[in-house]
N, C-alpha and C. Protein backbone atom coordinates (compact mmCIF):
# COMPACT_ATOMS: atom_id res chain seq x y z
N MET A 1 -22.93 117.04 6.38
CA MET A 1 -23.01 115.72 5.81
C MET A 1 -23.91 115.79 4.58
N GLY A 2 -23.56 115.09 3.51
CA GLY A 2 -24.40 115.06 2.33
C GLY A 2 -23.72 114.38 1.17
N GLY A 3 -24.42 114.28 0.08
CA GLY A 3 -23.89 113.66 -1.12
C GLY A 3 -24.97 113.56 -2.18
N VAL A 4 -24.57 113.07 -3.35
CA VAL A 4 -25.50 112.86 -4.44
C VAL A 4 -25.56 111.38 -4.73
N VAL A 5 -26.76 110.85 -4.83
CA VAL A 5 -26.97 109.43 -5.08
C VAL A 5 -27.61 109.28 -6.45
N SER A 6 -27.00 108.49 -7.32
CA SER A 6 -27.59 108.22 -8.63
C SER A 6 -28.51 107.01 -8.51
N PRO A 7 -29.54 106.94 -9.36
CA PRO A 7 -30.48 105.83 -9.27
C PRO A 7 -29.84 104.52 -9.73
N PRO A 8 -30.38 103.38 -9.28
CA PRO A 8 -29.89 102.08 -9.76
C PRO A 8 -30.09 101.96 -11.27
N ALA A 9 -29.37 101.05 -11.89
CA ALA A 9 -29.40 100.89 -13.36
C ALA A 9 -30.81 100.71 -13.90
N LYS A 10 -31.68 99.97 -13.19
CA LYS A 10 -33.03 99.73 -13.72
C LYS A 10 -33.88 101.00 -13.75
N PHE A 11 -33.45 102.07 -13.06
CA PHE A 11 -34.19 103.34 -13.07
C PHE A 11 -33.46 104.43 -13.87
N LYS A 12 -32.47 104.07 -14.66
CA LYS A 12 -31.66 105.06 -15.39
C LYS A 12 -32.50 105.91 -16.34
N ARG A 13 -33.65 105.42 -16.79
CA ARG A 13 -34.46 106.22 -17.72
C ARG A 13 -34.97 107.50 -17.09
N PHE A 14 -34.97 107.59 -15.75
CA PHE A 14 -35.41 108.80 -15.07
C PHE A 14 -34.37 109.90 -15.14
N LYS A 15 -33.12 109.55 -15.31
CA LYS A 15 -32.01 110.49 -15.46
C LYS A 15 -32.05 111.60 -14.41
N ALA A 16 -32.12 111.22 -13.16
CA ALA A 16 -32.11 112.19 -12.07
C ALA A 16 -31.31 111.63 -10.90
N ASN A 17 -30.85 112.53 -10.05
CA ASN A 17 -30.13 112.17 -8.84
C ASN A 17 -30.88 112.72 -7.65
N VAL A 18 -30.59 112.19 -6.49
CA VAL A 18 -31.13 112.73 -5.25
C VAL A 18 -29.96 113.35 -4.50
N ALA A 19 -30.03 114.66 -4.28
CA ALA A 19 -29.01 115.35 -3.50
C ALA A 19 -29.51 115.42 -2.06
N CYS A 20 -28.67 115.00 -1.14
CA CYS A 20 -29.05 114.96 0.29
C CYS A 20 -28.09 115.85 1.08
N LYS A 21 -28.65 116.66 1.95
CA LYS A 21 -27.81 117.53 2.79
C LYS A 21 -28.46 117.64 4.16
N TRP A 22 -27.69 117.42 5.19
CA TRP A 22 -28.18 117.55 6.55
C TRP A 22 -27.20 118.42 7.31
N LYS A 23 -27.71 119.49 7.85
CA LYS A 23 -26.88 120.41 8.62
C LYS A 23 -27.47 120.49 10.02
N GLY A 24 -26.67 120.23 11.03
CA GLY A 24 -27.16 120.22 12.40
C GLY A 24 -27.79 121.53 12.84
N LYS A 25 -27.15 122.64 12.47
CA LYS A 25 -27.69 123.96 12.82
C LYS A 25 -27.62 124.86 11.60
N TYR A 26 -28.63 125.71 11.44
CA TYR A 26 -28.67 126.67 10.35
C TYR A 26 -29.03 128.02 10.96
N ARG A 27 -28.10 128.98 10.86
CA ARG A 27 -28.29 130.31 11.43
C ARG A 27 -28.65 130.25 12.91
N GLY A 28 -27.98 129.33 13.62
CA GLY A 28 -28.16 129.22 15.06
C GLY A 28 -29.38 128.43 15.50
N VAL A 29 -30.15 127.90 14.56
CA VAL A 29 -31.36 127.13 14.89
C VAL A 29 -31.10 125.66 14.56
N THR A 30 -31.44 124.78 15.48
CA THR A 30 -31.28 123.35 15.23
C THR A 30 -32.25 122.89 14.15
N VAL A 31 -31.72 122.22 13.15
CA VAL A 31 -32.52 121.75 12.02
C VAL A 31 -32.92 120.30 12.28
N LYS A 32 -34.23 120.02 12.19
CA LYS A 32 -34.72 118.67 12.47
C LYS A 32 -34.73 117.77 11.25
N GLU A 33 -34.75 118.35 10.06
CA GLU A 33 -34.83 117.56 8.84
C GLU A 33 -33.76 117.97 7.86
N GLY A 34 -33.34 117.01 7.04
CA GLY A 34 -32.38 117.29 5.98
C GLY A 34 -33.08 117.69 4.70
N TRP A 35 -32.30 118.09 3.72
CA TRP A 35 -32.82 118.41 2.39
C TRP A 35 -32.63 117.19 1.50
N PHE A 36 -33.66 116.81 0.80
CA PHE A 36 -33.59 115.76 -0.21
C PHE A 36 -34.13 116.38 -1.49
N ILE A 37 -33.25 116.59 -2.46
CA ILE A 37 -33.59 117.34 -3.66
C ILE A 37 -33.42 116.43 -4.87
N LEU A 38 -34.49 116.25 -5.63
CA LEU A 38 -34.42 115.51 -6.89
C LEU A 38 -33.85 116.45 -7.93
N THR A 39 -32.74 116.07 -8.56
CA THR A 39 -32.03 116.99 -9.45
C THR A 39 -31.38 116.27 -10.61
N LYS A 40 -31.09 117.01 -11.65
CA LYS A 40 -30.29 116.48 -12.75
C LYS A 40 -28.85 116.95 -12.64
N LEU A 41 -28.56 117.79 -11.66
CA LEU A 41 -27.19 118.27 -11.45
C LEU A 41 -26.33 117.14 -10.91
N LYS A 42 -25.05 117.17 -11.23
CA LYS A 42 -24.16 116.04 -10.93
C LYS A 42 -23.53 116.08 -9.54
N THR A 43 -23.41 117.28 -8.95
CA THR A 43 -22.72 117.36 -7.66
C THR A 43 -23.64 117.94 -6.58
N LEU A 44 -23.32 117.61 -5.35
CA LEU A 44 -24.08 118.15 -4.22
C LEU A 44 -23.95 119.67 -4.17
N LYS A 45 -22.74 120.17 -4.39
CA LYS A 45 -22.51 121.61 -4.32
C LYS A 45 -23.39 122.36 -5.34
N ALA A 46 -23.46 121.85 -6.57
CA ALA A 46 -24.27 122.49 -7.61
C ALA A 46 -25.76 122.43 -7.25
N ALA A 47 -26.21 121.29 -6.75
CA ALA A 47 -27.63 121.13 -6.40
C ALA A 47 -28.02 122.06 -5.25
N ILE A 48 -27.20 122.11 -4.20
CA ILE A 48 -27.49 122.96 -3.05
C ILE A 48 -27.45 124.43 -3.45
N SER A 49 -26.49 124.83 -4.28
CA SER A 49 -26.40 126.21 -4.74
C SER A 49 -27.64 126.63 -5.52
N ALA A 50 -28.08 125.76 -6.44
CA ALA A 50 -29.28 126.07 -7.23
C ALA A 50 -30.51 126.14 -6.34
N TYR A 51 -30.63 125.21 -5.39
CA TYR A 51 -31.79 125.20 -4.51
C TYR A 51 -31.78 126.42 -3.60
N LYS A 52 -30.60 126.83 -3.12
CA LYS A 52 -30.51 128.00 -2.25
C LYS A 52 -30.98 129.26 -2.97
N GLN A 53 -30.61 129.40 -4.25
CA GLN A 53 -31.08 130.56 -5.02
C GLN A 53 -32.60 130.55 -5.11
N ARG A 54 -33.16 129.39 -5.37
CA ARG A 54 -34.62 129.29 -5.47
C ARG A 54 -35.27 129.60 -4.13
N PHE A 55 -34.69 129.08 -3.05
CA PHE A 55 -35.23 129.31 -1.71
C PHE A 55 -35.19 130.79 -1.35
N ASP A 56 -34.11 131.47 -1.72
CA ASP A 56 -34.00 132.91 -1.45
C ASP A 56 -35.10 133.68 -2.18
N ILE A 57 -35.39 133.28 -3.43
CA ILE A 57 -36.45 133.94 -4.20
C ILE A 57 -37.81 133.68 -3.54
N GLU A 58 -38.04 132.46 -3.09
CA GLU A 58 -39.31 132.14 -2.41
C GLU A 58 -39.48 132.98 -1.15
N GLU A 59 -38.40 133.16 -0.40
CA GLU A 59 -38.45 134.00 0.80
C GLU A 59 -38.81 135.44 0.44
N MET A 60 -38.20 135.94 -0.65
CA MET A 60 -38.50 137.31 -1.09
C MET A 60 -39.99 137.44 -1.43
N PHE A 61 -40.53 136.48 -2.18
CA PHE A 61 -41.95 136.53 -2.54
C PHE A 61 -42.84 136.48 -1.30
N ARG A 62 -42.45 135.68 -0.32
CA ARG A 62 -43.24 135.59 0.92
C ARG A 62 -43.26 136.94 1.63
N HIS A 63 -42.12 137.60 1.70
CA HIS A 63 -42.06 138.93 2.32
C HIS A 63 -42.90 139.94 1.55
N TYR A 64 -42.81 139.88 0.22
CA TYR A 64 -43.58 140.81 -0.62
C TYR A 64 -45.08 140.61 -0.44
N LYS A 65 -45.53 139.36 -0.54
CA LYS A 65 -46.97 139.09 -0.60
C LYS A 65 -47.67 139.22 0.75
N SER A 66 -47.23 138.46 1.72
CA SER A 66 -47.99 138.42 2.97
C SER A 66 -47.13 138.68 4.20
N GLY A 67 -45.89 138.97 3.98
CA GLY A 67 -44.99 139.23 5.10
C GLY A 67 -44.97 140.69 5.50
N SER A 68 -43.79 141.20 5.69
CA SER A 68 -43.65 142.56 6.21
C SER A 68 -44.12 143.64 5.23
N TYR A 69 -44.16 143.37 3.92
CA TYR A 69 -44.60 144.38 2.96
C TYR A 69 -46.06 144.24 2.58
N ASN A 70 -46.62 143.07 2.70
CA ASN A 70 -48.06 142.77 2.57
C ASN A 70 -48.72 143.37 1.32
N ILE A 71 -48.10 143.17 0.18
CA ILE A 71 -48.67 143.67 -1.08
C ILE A 71 -50.00 142.99 -1.39
N GLU A 72 -50.15 141.77 -0.93
CA GLU A 72 -51.36 141.00 -1.22
C GLU A 72 -52.64 141.72 -0.75
N ASP A 73 -52.55 142.45 0.35
CA ASP A 73 -53.72 143.15 0.88
C ASP A 73 -53.85 144.59 0.37
N ALA A 74 -52.91 145.02 -0.46
CA ALA A 74 -52.99 146.38 -1.00
C ALA A 74 -54.13 146.44 -2.01
N LYS A 75 -55.01 147.37 -1.85
CA LYS A 75 -56.16 147.52 -2.75
C LYS A 75 -55.85 148.61 -3.76
N VAL A 76 -54.94 148.30 -4.70
CA VAL A 76 -54.55 149.30 -5.70
C VAL A 76 -54.72 148.71 -7.10
N SER A 77 -54.93 149.61 -8.08
CA SER A 77 -55.08 149.18 -9.47
C SER A 77 -53.70 148.94 -10.09
N GLU A 78 -53.70 148.42 -11.30
CA GLU A 78 -52.46 148.00 -11.94
C GLU A 78 -51.37 149.07 -12.02
N PRO A 79 -51.63 150.28 -12.49
CA PRO A 79 -50.52 151.25 -12.57
C PRO A 79 -49.91 151.55 -11.19
N ARG A 80 -50.75 151.67 -10.20
CA ARG A 80 -50.24 151.95 -8.85
C ARG A 80 -49.57 150.71 -8.24
N LEU A 81 -50.06 149.53 -8.61
CA LEU A 81 -49.46 148.30 -8.12
C LEU A 81 -48.02 148.18 -8.61
N LEU A 82 -47.77 148.52 -9.86
CA LEU A 82 -46.41 148.48 -10.40
C LEU A 82 -45.49 149.44 -9.64
N THR A 83 -46.00 150.62 -9.33
CA THR A 83 -45.23 151.59 -8.54
C THR A 83 -44.95 151.04 -7.15
N LEU A 84 -45.98 150.44 -6.54
CA LEU A 84 -45.82 149.86 -5.20
C LEU A 84 -44.77 148.74 -5.22
N ILE A 85 -44.83 147.88 -6.22
CA ILE A 85 -43.85 146.78 -6.32
C ILE A 85 -42.44 147.33 -6.49
N LEU A 86 -42.29 148.38 -7.28
CA LEU A 86 -40.98 149.01 -7.46
C LEU A 86 -40.46 149.56 -6.14
N LEU A 87 -41.30 150.27 -5.40
CA LEU A 87 -40.89 150.84 -4.11
C LEU A 87 -40.54 149.75 -3.10
N VAL A 88 -41.35 148.70 -3.07
CA VAL A 88 -41.08 147.58 -2.15
C VAL A 88 -39.77 146.90 -2.54
N SER A 89 -39.51 146.77 -3.83
CA SER A 89 -38.25 146.16 -4.30
C SER A 89 -37.04 146.97 -3.85
N ILE A 90 -37.15 148.28 -3.95
CA ILE A 90 -36.06 149.15 -3.49
C ILE A 90 -35.87 149.01 -1.98
N ALA A 91 -36.96 149.03 -1.23
CA ALA A 91 -36.89 148.90 0.23
C ALA A 91 -36.32 147.53 0.62
N TYR A 92 -36.76 146.47 -0.05
CA TYR A 92 -36.29 145.12 0.25
C TYR A 92 -34.79 145.01 -0.03
N THR A 93 -34.35 145.55 -1.16
CA THR A 93 -32.93 145.52 -1.51
C THR A 93 -32.11 146.28 -0.48
N ALA A 94 -32.61 147.43 -0.03
CA ALA A 94 -31.91 148.21 0.99
C ALA A 94 -31.78 147.42 2.29
N ARG A 95 -32.82 146.68 2.66
CA ARG A 95 -32.79 145.87 3.89
C ARG A 95 -31.80 144.72 3.77
N ILE A 96 -31.74 144.11 2.59
CA ILE A 96 -30.79 143.01 2.36
C ILE A 96 -29.36 143.53 2.48
N ILE A 97 -29.09 144.66 1.84
CA ILE A 97 -27.74 145.26 1.91
C ILE A 97 -27.41 145.63 3.35
N GLU A 98 -28.35 146.24 4.04
CA GLU A 98 -28.14 146.62 5.45
C GLU A 98 -27.84 145.39 6.30
N GLY A 99 -28.59 144.32 6.07
CA GLY A 99 -28.36 143.09 6.82
C GLY A 99 -26.97 142.50 6.59
N LYS A 100 -26.53 142.57 5.34
CA LYS A 100 -25.18 142.06 5.02
C LYS A 100 -24.10 142.91 5.67
N LEU A 101 -24.32 144.24 5.72
CA LEU A 101 -23.35 145.12 6.37
C LEU A 101 -23.30 144.87 7.87
N VAL A 102 -24.45 144.67 8.48
CA VAL A 102 -24.50 144.39 9.91
C VAL A 102 -23.84 143.06 10.24
N LYS A 103 -24.01 142.09 9.35
CA LYS A 103 -23.42 140.76 9.55
C LYS A 103 -21.90 140.81 9.56
N ARG A 104 -21.32 141.74 8.80
CA ARG A 104 -19.86 141.87 8.73
C ARG A 104 -19.37 142.39 10.04
């Protein structure tokens, strides 16, 4: 269930829409709240697609910083940090690909 709602005429100067999406279950987990996204995109599909890309990036950063890769606690200087980030990026990409293969 979902849709895009444009603001009433008296609020047109804001030039934004609210995209609403409620999904009963997501990846087998019951979802208690819907998504309400303030957007300039015209359709629900476009708004959800853009938000999903952003959400995926946020998940990646969470894994990098304090999740399974824990770069935040690495006590390394800048040249070594760049190498560490590169290695973690390769490992993360490999896990994503592996997960997609397992899902098939």
